[in-house]
Amino acid sequence: MGPGAMGRMPSPADEIRRNLEASDGLRFLLDHRKPLEMTRAQRDTLERYRDDQSAMQKPVYRELEKLVSDRPMGAPGGGRGGPEGGRRGAPDGGGRGPESGGRGPAASDTVRALANRLADIQSAFRDRARQQLTATQRTKADSLELIWLEKERKRLEKAQR
């Protein structure tokens, strides 16, 4: 079954976005606002942070998409749908996943730098959001996150079998 059978192959930008969204600490806190017993004011502040985070990340995602779309289709690590455009990294670490950008050293470094910038923005907003929580809420958030991480680990182990 070729790439067209299931839709377009994800670009490195799509993979980076998906990975960051899956590990978004701010989103995690908002998704768990009820068990954390957040006040309306806390929730409103975190929602404002989410909007600010999105606004700060948007130009970086655009830059990442432009970098990917400027490469010719079919070129190694090229534009969307290229033969290596969405290939995940190999288990031995020699793959072309979002961390490496799937291209030569210069493009790889650029993709990595943009991915790191996106992650730094996300981390900064997660830290700001955690400062809005009480000590009890932070402890509970840590416990909920550990439970979530364990479930993710088991899910990934099962998927690899």
N, C-alpha and C. Protein backbone atom coordinates (compact mmCIF):
# COMPACT_ATOMS: atom_id res chain seq x y z
N MET A 1 0.86 -1.17 0.00
CA MET A 1 0.00 0.00 0.00
C MET A 1 0.90 1.23 0.00
N GLY A 2 0.73 2.09 -0.97
CA GLY A 2 1.58 3.27 -1.12
C GLY A 2 1.13 4.41 -0.25
N PRO A 3 1.91 5.51 -0.22
CA PRO A 3 1.58 6.66 0.62
C PRO A 3 0.25 7.28 0.27
N GLY A 4 -0.15 7.22 -1.01
CA GLY A 4 -1.41 7.83 -1.42
C GLY A 4 -2.63 7.10 -0.91
N ALA A 5 -2.46 5.81 -0.59
CA ALA A 5 -3.60 5.01 -0.16
C ALA A 5 -4.15 5.46 1.18
N MET A 6 -3.31 6.04 2.01
CA MET A 6 -3.76 6.44 3.33
C MET A 6 -3.73 7.96 3.49
N GLY A 7 -3.57 8.70 2.40
CA GLY A 7 -3.46 10.14 2.50
C GLY A 7 -2.00 10.54 2.40
N ARG A 8 -1.75 11.82 2.53
CA ARG A 8 -0.37 12.29 2.40
C ARG A 8 0.47 11.84 3.57
N MET A 9 1.75 11.68 3.30
CA MET A 9 2.68 11.32 4.38
C MET A 9 2.92 12.58 5.21
N PRO A 10 3.05 12.41 6.50
CA PRO A 10 3.29 13.59 7.34
C PRO A 10 4.67 14.17 7.08
N SER A 11 4.74 15.48 7.11
CA SER A 11 6.04 16.16 6.97
C SER A 11 6.73 16.15 8.32
N PRO A 12 8.03 16.49 8.35
CA PRO A 12 8.69 16.63 9.64
C PRO A 12 7.97 17.65 10.54
N ALA A 13 7.43 18.71 9.93
CA ALA A 13 6.70 19.71 10.72
C ALA A 13 5.46 19.09 11.36
N ASP A 14 4.76 18.22 10.62
CA ASP A 14 3.58 17.55 11.17
C ASP A 14 3.97 16.64 12.33
N GLU A 15 5.07 15.92 12.15
CA GLU A 15 5.54 15.01 13.21
C GLU A 15 5.93 15.80 14.46
N ILE A 16 6.63 16.89 14.27
CA ILE A 16 7.05 17.72 15.41
C ILE A 16 5.82 18.26 16.13
N ARG A 17 4.86 18.77 15.36
CA ARG A 17 3.62 19.30 15.96
C ARG A 17 2.90 18.21 16.75
N ARG A 18 2.77 17.03 16.16
CA ARG A 18 2.07 15.93 16.84
C ARG A 18 2.79 15.56 18.14
N ASN A 19 4.11 15.45 18.08
CA ASN A 19 4.87 15.09 19.29
C ASN A 19 4.76 16.16 20.37
N LEU A 20 4.83 17.42 19.97
CA LEU A 20 4.72 18.50 20.97
C LEU A 20 3.32 18.57 21.56
N GLU A 21 2.30 18.37 20.73
CA GLU A 21 0.94 18.40 21.25
C GLU A 21 0.70 17.25 22.23
N ALA A 22 1.31 16.11 21.95
CA ALA A 22 1.13 14.95 22.83
C ALA A 22 1.79 15.18 24.19
N SER A 23 2.81 16.03 24.22
CA SER A 23 3.54 16.25 25.48
C SER A 23 3.35 17.67 26.02
N ASP A 24 2.29 18.33 25.62
CA ASP A 24 2.05 19.71 26.02
C ASP A 24 1.59 19.77 27.48
N GLY A 25 2.47 20.26 28.35
CA GLY A 25 2.17 20.33 29.78
C GLY A 25 1.03 21.28 30.10
N LEU A 26 0.92 22.36 29.36
CA LEU A 26 -0.17 23.32 29.57
C LEU A 26 -1.51 22.68 29.21
N ARG A 27 -1.55 21.99 28.08
CA ARG A 27 -2.78 21.28 27.68
C ARG A 27 -3.13 20.21 28.71
N PHE A 28 -2.10 19.51 29.21
CA PHE A 28 -2.32 18.47 30.21
C PHE A 28 -3.02 19.06 31.44
N LEU A 29 -2.52 20.20 31.91
CA LEU A 29 -3.13 20.84 33.08
C LEU A 29 -4.57 21.24 32.81
N LEU A 30 -4.82 21.82 31.65
CA LEU A 30 -6.19 22.22 31.32
C LEU A 30 -7.11 21.00 31.17
N ASP A 31 -6.58 19.93 30.60
CA ASP A 31 -7.39 18.72 30.46
C ASP A 31 -7.71 18.09 31.81
N HIS A 32 -6.90 18.37 32.80
CA HIS A 32 -7.11 17.80 34.14
C HIS A 32 -7.56 18.86 35.16
N ARG A 33 -8.21 19.88 34.69
CA ARG A 33 -8.61 20.97 35.58
C ARG A 33 -9.59 20.51 36.66
N LYS A 34 -10.46 19.54 36.34
CA LYS A 34 -11.42 19.07 37.35
C LYS A 34 -10.73 18.29 38.46
N PRO A 35 -9.91 17.27 38.14
CA PRO A 35 -9.24 16.58 39.26
C PRO A 35 -8.28 17.48 40.03
N LEU A 36 -7.76 18.51 39.36
CA LEU A 36 -6.88 19.46 40.04
C LEU A 36 -7.65 20.51 40.82
N GLU A 37 -8.97 20.51 40.65
CA GLU A 37 -9.85 21.45 41.33
C GLU A 37 -9.41 22.90 41.11
N MET A 38 -9.17 23.22 39.84
CA MET A 38 -8.76 24.58 39.50
C MET A 38 -9.91 25.56 39.70
N THR A 39 -9.55 26.74 40.10
CA THR A 39 -10.54 27.81 40.21
C THR A 39 -10.80 28.37 38.82
N ARG A 40 -11.84 29.11 38.70
CA ARG A 40 -12.16 29.76 37.41
C ARG A 40 -11.01 30.70 37.00
N ALA A 41 -10.47 31.42 37.95
CA ALA A 41 -9.38 32.35 37.66
C ALA A 41 -8.15 31.60 37.15
N GLN A 42 -7.83 30.46 37.76
CA GLN A 42 -6.69 29.66 37.30
C GLN A 42 -6.92 29.16 35.88
N ARG A 43 -8.11 28.64 35.65
CA ARG A 43 -8.43 28.13 34.31
C ARG A 43 -8.36 29.23 33.27
N ASP A 44 -8.91 30.39 33.58
CA ASP A 44 -8.86 31.51 32.64
C ASP A 44 -7.42 31.93 32.34
N THR A 45 -6.58 31.94 33.37
CA THR A 45 -5.17 32.29 33.18
C THR A 45 -4.48 31.27 32.29
N LEU A 46 -4.71 29.98 32.55
CA LEU A 46 -4.09 28.94 31.74
C LEU A 46 -4.59 28.97 30.30
N GLU A 47 -5.86 29.27 30.10
CA GLU A 47 -6.38 29.39 28.74
C GLU A 47 -5.75 30.58 28.01
N ARG A 48 -5.50 31.65 28.73
CA ARG A 48 -4.82 32.80 28.14
C ARG A 48 -3.37 32.43 27.78
N TYR A 49 -2.72 31.68 28.66
CA TYR A 49 -1.36 31.19 28.38
C TYR A 49 -1.37 30.30 27.13
N ARG A 50 -2.39 29.45 27.01
CA ARG A 50 -2.48 28.57 25.84
C ARG A 50 -2.57 29.39 24.56
N ASP A 51 -3.39 30.44 24.58
CA ASP A 51 -3.51 31.31 23.40
C ASP A 51 -2.19 32.02 23.10
N ASP A 52 -1.52 32.49 24.14
CA ASP A 52 -0.23 33.16 23.97
C ASP A 52 0.82 32.18 23.43
N GLN A 53 0.83 30.97 23.96
CA GLN A 53 1.76 29.95 23.50
C GLN A 53 1.54 29.67 22.01
N SER A 54 0.30 29.50 21.64
CA SER A 54 -0.03 29.23 20.24
C SER A 54 0.42 30.38 19.34
N ALA A 55 0.20 31.61 19.79
CA ALA A 55 0.61 32.78 19.00
C ALA A 55 2.13 32.84 18.84
N MET A 56 2.86 32.46 19.88
CA MET A 56 4.33 32.48 19.80
C MET A 56 4.86 31.34 18.93
N GLN A 57 4.18 30.21 18.92
CA GLN A 57 4.64 29.07 18.15
C GLN A 57 4.26 29.16 16.68
N LYS A 58 3.19 29.87 16.36
CA LYS A 58 2.69 29.92 14.99
C LYS A 58 3.76 30.33 13.98
N PRO A 59 4.52 31.42 14.18
CA PRO A 59 5.53 31.78 13.18
C PRO A 59 6.65 30.75 13.06
N VAL A 60 6.95 30.05 14.15
CA VAL A 60 7.99 29.02 14.10
C VAL A 60 7.49 27.84 13.27
N TYR A 61 6.22 27.45 13.47
CA TYR A 61 5.65 26.37 12.65
C TYR A 61 5.63 26.79 11.18
N ARG A 62 5.29 28.05 10.91
CA ARG A 62 5.30 28.53 9.52
C ARG A 62 6.68 28.41 8.91
N GLU A 63 7.69 28.80 9.67
CA GLU A 63 9.07 28.71 9.20
C GLU A 63 9.45 27.25 8.93
N LEU A 64 9.03 26.37 9.80
CA LEU A 64 9.30 24.94 9.65
C LEU A 64 8.60 24.40 8.40
N GLU A 65 7.34 24.75 8.22
CA GLU A 65 6.60 24.31 7.03
C GLU A 65 7.25 24.84 5.76
N LYS A 66 7.70 26.08 5.77
CA LYS A 66 8.35 26.67 4.60
C LYS A 66 9.63 25.91 4.29
N LEU A 67 10.39 25.58 5.29
CA LEU A 67 11.63 24.83 5.10
C LEU A 67 11.32 23.50 4.42
N VAL A 68 10.27 22.83 4.87
CA VAL A 68 9.90 21.53 4.32
C VAL A 68 9.34 21.68 2.91
N SER A 69 8.47 22.66 2.68
CA SER A 69 7.83 22.79 1.38
C SER A 69 8.77 23.34 0.31
N ASP A 70 9.89 23.98 0.70
CA ASP A 70 10.85 24.49 -0.27
C ASP A 70 11.68 23.37 -0.89
N ARG A 71 11.68 22.21 -0.27
CA ARG A 71 12.46 21.09 -0.81
C ARG A 71 11.63 20.41 -1.89
N PRO A 72 12.23 19.98 -3.00
CA PRO A 72 11.48 19.36 -4.08
C PRO A 72 10.85 18.04 -3.66
N MET A 73 9.69 17.78 -4.22
CA MET A 73 9.02 16.51 -3.97
C MET A 73 9.92 15.39 -4.43
N GLY A 74 10.00 14.33 -3.67
CA GLY A 74 10.78 13.17 -4.06
C GLY A 74 12.25 13.28 -3.70
N ALA A 75 12.69 14.47 -3.30
CA ALA A 75 14.08 14.62 -2.88
C ALA A 75 14.24 13.97 -1.51
N PRO A 76 15.43 13.52 -1.18
CA PRO A 76 15.61 12.95 0.16
C PRO A 76 15.14 13.92 1.22
N GLY A 77 14.16 13.49 1.99
CA GLY A 77 13.61 14.34 3.04
C GLY A 77 12.87 15.52 2.48
N GLY A 78 12.46 15.42 1.22
CA GLY A 78 11.89 16.55 0.50
C GLY A 78 10.50 16.92 0.96
N GLY A 79 9.81 17.65 0.09
CA GLY A 79 8.47 18.16 0.39
C GLY A 79 7.51 17.06 0.77
N ARG A 80 6.31 17.45 1.09
CA ARG A 80 5.30 16.49 1.52
C ARG A 80 5.15 15.37 0.51
N GLY A 81 5.09 14.18 1.02
CA GLY A 81 4.88 13.02 0.16
C GLY A 81 6.16 12.46 -0.41
N GLY A 82 7.30 13.08 -0.13
CA GLY A 82 8.58 12.55 -0.60
C GLY A 82 8.81 11.19 0.02
N PRO A 83 9.68 10.39 -0.56
CA PRO A 83 9.83 9.02 -0.08
C PRO A 83 10.28 8.93 1.36
N GLU A 84 10.92 9.98 1.87
CA GLU A 84 11.40 9.93 3.25
C GLU A 84 10.76 10.99 4.11
N GLY A 85 9.80 11.71 3.59
CA GLY A 85 9.23 12.86 4.27
C GLY A 85 8.67 12.57 5.64
N GLY A 86 8.09 11.40 5.84
CA GLY A 86 7.49 11.16 7.14
C GLY A 86 8.05 9.94 7.83
N ARG A 87 9.15 9.41 7.35
CA ARG A 87 9.71 8.20 7.93
C ARG A 87 10.19 8.46 9.35
N ARG A 88 9.77 7.62 10.25
CA ARG A 88 10.17 7.74 11.65
C ARG A 88 11.61 7.26 11.81
N GLY A 89 12.22 7.69 12.89
CA GLY A 89 13.60 7.30 13.16
C GLY A 89 13.71 5.81 13.38
N ALA A 90 14.82 5.25 12.97
CA ALA A 90 15.07 3.83 13.17
C ALA A 90 15.39 3.57 14.63
N PRO A 91 15.11 2.35 15.11
CA PRO A 91 15.38 2.04 16.51
C PRO A 91 16.84 2.27 16.90
N ASP A 92 17.75 2.15 15.92
CA ASP A 92 19.16 2.33 16.25
C ASP A 92 19.56 3.80 16.31
N GLY A 93 18.60 4.70 16.12
CA GLY A 93 18.88 6.13 16.20
C GLY A 93 19.40 6.72 14.90
N GLY A 94 19.50 5.92 13.83
CA GLY A 94 20.03 6.41 12.57
C GLY A 94 18.95 6.81 11.60
N GLY A 95 17.75 7.07 12.06
CA GLY A 95 16.63 7.33 11.16
C GLY A 95 16.48 8.77 10.77
N ARG A 96 15.33 9.06 10.23
CA ARG A 96 15.05 10.39 9.72
C ARG A 96 13.79 10.94 10.38
N GLY A 97 13.66 10.77 11.66
CA GLY A 97 12.50 11.26 12.39
C GLY A 97 12.55 12.76 12.54
N PRO A 98 11.59 13.35 13.25
CA PRO A 98 11.54 14.79 13.39
C PRO A 98 12.77 15.38 14.05
N GLU A 99 13.47 14.56 14.84
CA GLU A 99 14.66 15.10 15.51
C GLU A 99 15.75 15.39 14.50
N SER A 100 15.87 14.56 13.45
CA SER A 100 16.96 14.74 12.50
C SER A 100 16.52 15.51 11.28
N GLY A 101 15.23 15.67 11.06
CA GLY A 101 14.75 16.41 9.91
C GLY A 101 14.78 15.60 8.64
N GLY A 102 15.42 14.43 8.65
CA GLY A 102 15.41 13.57 7.49
C GLY A 102 16.22 14.11 6.32
N ARG A 103 17.17 14.98 6.53
CA ARG A 103 17.93 15.58 5.44
C ARG A 103 19.40 15.67 5.81
N GLY A 104 20.12 16.42 4.97
CA GLY A 104 21.54 16.65 5.21
C GLY A 104 21.76 17.46 6.47
N PRO A 105 23.02 17.62 6.85
CA PRO A 105 23.35 18.27 8.12
C PRO A 105 22.79 19.68 8.28
N ALA A 106 22.85 20.51 7.24
CA ALA A 106 22.40 21.90 7.40
C ALA A 106 20.90 21.97 7.63
N ALA A 107 20.13 21.26 6.80
CA ALA A 107 18.67 21.25 6.97
C ALA A 107 18.31 20.57 8.28
N SER A 108 19.03 19.51 8.61
CA SER A 108 18.77 18.79 9.85
C SER A 108 18.97 19.72 11.05
N ASP A 109 20.04 20.49 11.04
CA ASP A 109 20.30 21.42 12.13
C ASP A 109 19.22 22.49 12.22
N THR A 110 18.76 22.96 11.06
CA THR A 110 17.71 23.98 11.05
C THR A 110 16.41 23.43 11.62
N VAL A 111 16.03 22.23 11.19
CA VAL A 111 14.80 21.60 11.70
C VAL A 111 14.93 21.38 13.20
N ARG A 112 16.08 20.88 13.63
CA ARG A 112 16.31 20.63 15.06
C ARG A 112 16.21 21.93 15.86
N ALA A 113 16.82 23.00 15.32
CA ALA A 113 16.78 24.29 16.02
C ALA A 113 15.34 24.81 16.14
N LEU A 114 14.56 24.66 15.07
CA LEU A 114 13.16 25.11 15.12
C LEU A 114 12.35 24.25 16.09
N ALA A 115 12.58 22.95 16.08
CA ALA A 115 11.88 22.05 17.00
C ALA A 115 12.24 22.41 18.44
N ASN A 116 13.50 22.70 18.68
CA ASN A 116 13.92 23.10 20.03
C ASN A 116 13.29 24.42 20.44
N ARG A 117 13.18 25.35 19.51
CA ARG A 117 12.55 26.63 19.83
C ARG A 117 11.08 26.41 20.22
N LEU A 118 10.39 25.55 19.47
CA LEU A 118 8.99 25.24 19.79
C LEU A 118 8.89 24.59 21.18
N ALA A 119 9.77 23.66 21.46
CA ALA A 119 9.75 22.98 22.76
C ALA A 119 10.08 23.95 23.89
N ASP A 120 11.00 24.88 23.64
CA ASP A 120 11.34 25.87 24.67
C ASP A 120 10.15 26.77 24.99
N ILE A 121 9.43 27.17 23.96
CA ILE A 121 8.23 27.99 24.18
C ILE A 121 7.23 27.21 25.02
N GLN A 122 7.02 25.96 24.65
CA GLN A 122 6.07 25.11 25.37
C GLN A 122 6.50 24.93 26.82
N SER A 123 7.77 24.70 27.05
CA SER A 123 8.27 24.51 28.42
C SER A 123 8.10 25.76 29.26
N ALA A 124 8.36 26.92 28.66
CA ALA A 124 8.21 28.18 29.39
C ALA A 124 6.76 28.39 29.83
N PHE A 125 5.82 28.09 28.95
CA PHE A 125 4.42 28.27 29.31
C PHE A 125 3.95 27.21 30.30
N ARG A 126 4.50 26.00 30.21
CA ARG A 126 4.16 24.97 31.21
C ARG A 126 4.62 25.44 32.58
N ASP A 127 5.84 25.98 32.64
CA ASP A 127 6.37 26.46 33.93
C ASP A 127 5.54 27.61 34.47
N ARG A 128 5.15 28.54 33.61
CA ARG A 128 4.29 29.65 34.04
C ARG A 128 2.96 29.13 34.56
N ALA A 129 2.41 28.14 33.87
CA ALA A 129 1.12 27.58 34.28
C ALA A 129 1.24 26.88 35.64
N ARG A 130 2.30 26.14 35.84
CA ARG A 130 2.48 25.44 37.12
C ARG A 130 2.62 26.42 38.28
N GLN A 131 3.16 27.61 38.01
CA GLN A 131 3.28 28.62 39.06
C GLN A 131 1.91 29.11 39.52
N GLN A 132 0.91 28.95 38.69
CA GLN A 132 -0.45 29.39 39.05
C GLN A 132 -1.15 28.38 39.97
N LEU A 133 -0.58 27.18 40.09
CA LEU A 133 -1.19 26.14 40.91
C LEU A 133 -0.71 26.23 42.35
N THR A 134 -1.53 25.75 43.25
CA THR A 134 -1.11 25.65 44.64
C THR A 134 -0.15 24.46 44.77
N ALA A 135 0.52 24.36 45.89
CA ALA A 135 1.44 23.25 46.12
C ALA A 135 0.70 21.91 46.03
N THR A 136 -0.50 21.85 46.57
CA THR A 136 -1.30 20.63 46.52
C THR A 136 -1.67 20.28 45.08
N GLN A 137 -2.05 21.29 44.31
CA GLN A 137 -2.40 21.05 42.91
C GLN A 137 -1.18 20.58 42.11
N ARG A 138 -0.01 21.15 42.38
CA ARG A 138 1.21 20.72 41.67
C ARG A 138 1.54 19.26 42.00
N THR A 139 1.39 18.89 43.25
CA THR A 139 1.65 17.50 43.66
C THR A 139 0.68 16.56 42.95
N LYS A 140 -0.58 16.95 42.91
CA LYS A 140 -1.59 16.13 42.24
C LYS A 140 -1.31 16.07 40.74
N ALA A 141 -0.90 17.18 40.15
CA ALA A 141 -0.57 17.21 38.71
C ALA A 141 0.60 16.28 38.42
N ASP A 142 1.60 16.28 39.30
CA ASP A 142 2.74 15.38 39.13
C ASP A 142 2.29 13.92 39.16
N SER A 143 1.41 13.59 40.08
CA SER A 143 0.90 12.22 40.19
C SER A 143 0.12 11.83 38.93
N LEU A 144 -0.74 12.73 38.47
CA LEU A 144 -1.51 12.46 37.26
C LEU A 144 -0.60 12.29 36.04
N GLU A 145 0.45 13.08 35.99
CA GLU A 145 1.38 12.98 34.87
C GLU A 145 2.14 11.66 34.90
N LEU A 146 2.55 11.21 36.09
CA LEU A 146 3.23 9.92 36.20
C LEU A 146 2.32 8.78 35.75
N ILE A 147 1.05 8.84 36.11
CA ILE A 147 0.08 7.83 35.69
C ILE A 147 -0.04 7.84 34.17
N TRP A 148 -0.15 9.05 33.59
CA TRP A 148 -0.27 9.19 32.14
C TRP A 148 0.98 8.64 31.44
N LEU A 149 2.16 8.97 31.96
CA LEU A 149 3.41 8.50 31.35
C LEU A 149 3.49 6.98 31.38
N GLU A 150 3.08 6.37 32.47
CA GLU A 150 3.10 4.91 32.57
C GLU A 150 2.15 4.29 31.55
N LYS A 151 0.96 4.87 31.38
CA LYS A 151 0.01 4.37 30.39
C LYS A 151 0.59 4.51 28.98
N GLU A 152 1.24 5.64 28.70
CA GLU A 152 1.86 5.85 27.39
C GLU A 152 2.98 4.84 27.15
N ARG A 153 3.79 4.58 28.16
CA ARG A 153 4.87 3.61 28.03
C ARG A 153 4.31 2.24 27.68
N LYS A 154 3.27 1.82 28.38
CA LYS A 154 2.65 0.52 28.12
C LYS A 154 2.03 0.48 26.73
N ARG A 155 1.39 1.58 26.32
CA ARG A 155 0.78 1.65 25.00
C ARG A 155 1.85 1.51 23.91
N LEU A 156 2.97 2.18 24.08
CA LEU A 156 4.05 2.11 23.10
C LEU A 156 4.69 0.73 23.06
N GLU A 157 4.86 0.12 24.23
CA GLU A 157 5.40 -1.25 24.28
C GLU A 157 4.49 -2.19 23.55
N LYS A 158 3.20 -2.06 23.75
CA LYS A 158 2.22 -2.94 23.10
C LYS A 158 2.23 -2.71 21.58
N ALA A 159 2.36 -1.48 21.16
CA ALA A 159 2.38 -1.17 19.72
C ALA A 159 3.63 -1.71 19.04
N GLN A 160 4.72 -1.85 19.77
CA GLN A 160 5.97 -2.34 19.20
C GLN A 160 6.00 -3.86 19.05
N ARG A 161 5.09 -4.53 19.71
CA ARG A 161 5.06 -6.01 19.65
C ARG A 161 4.46 -6.48 18.38
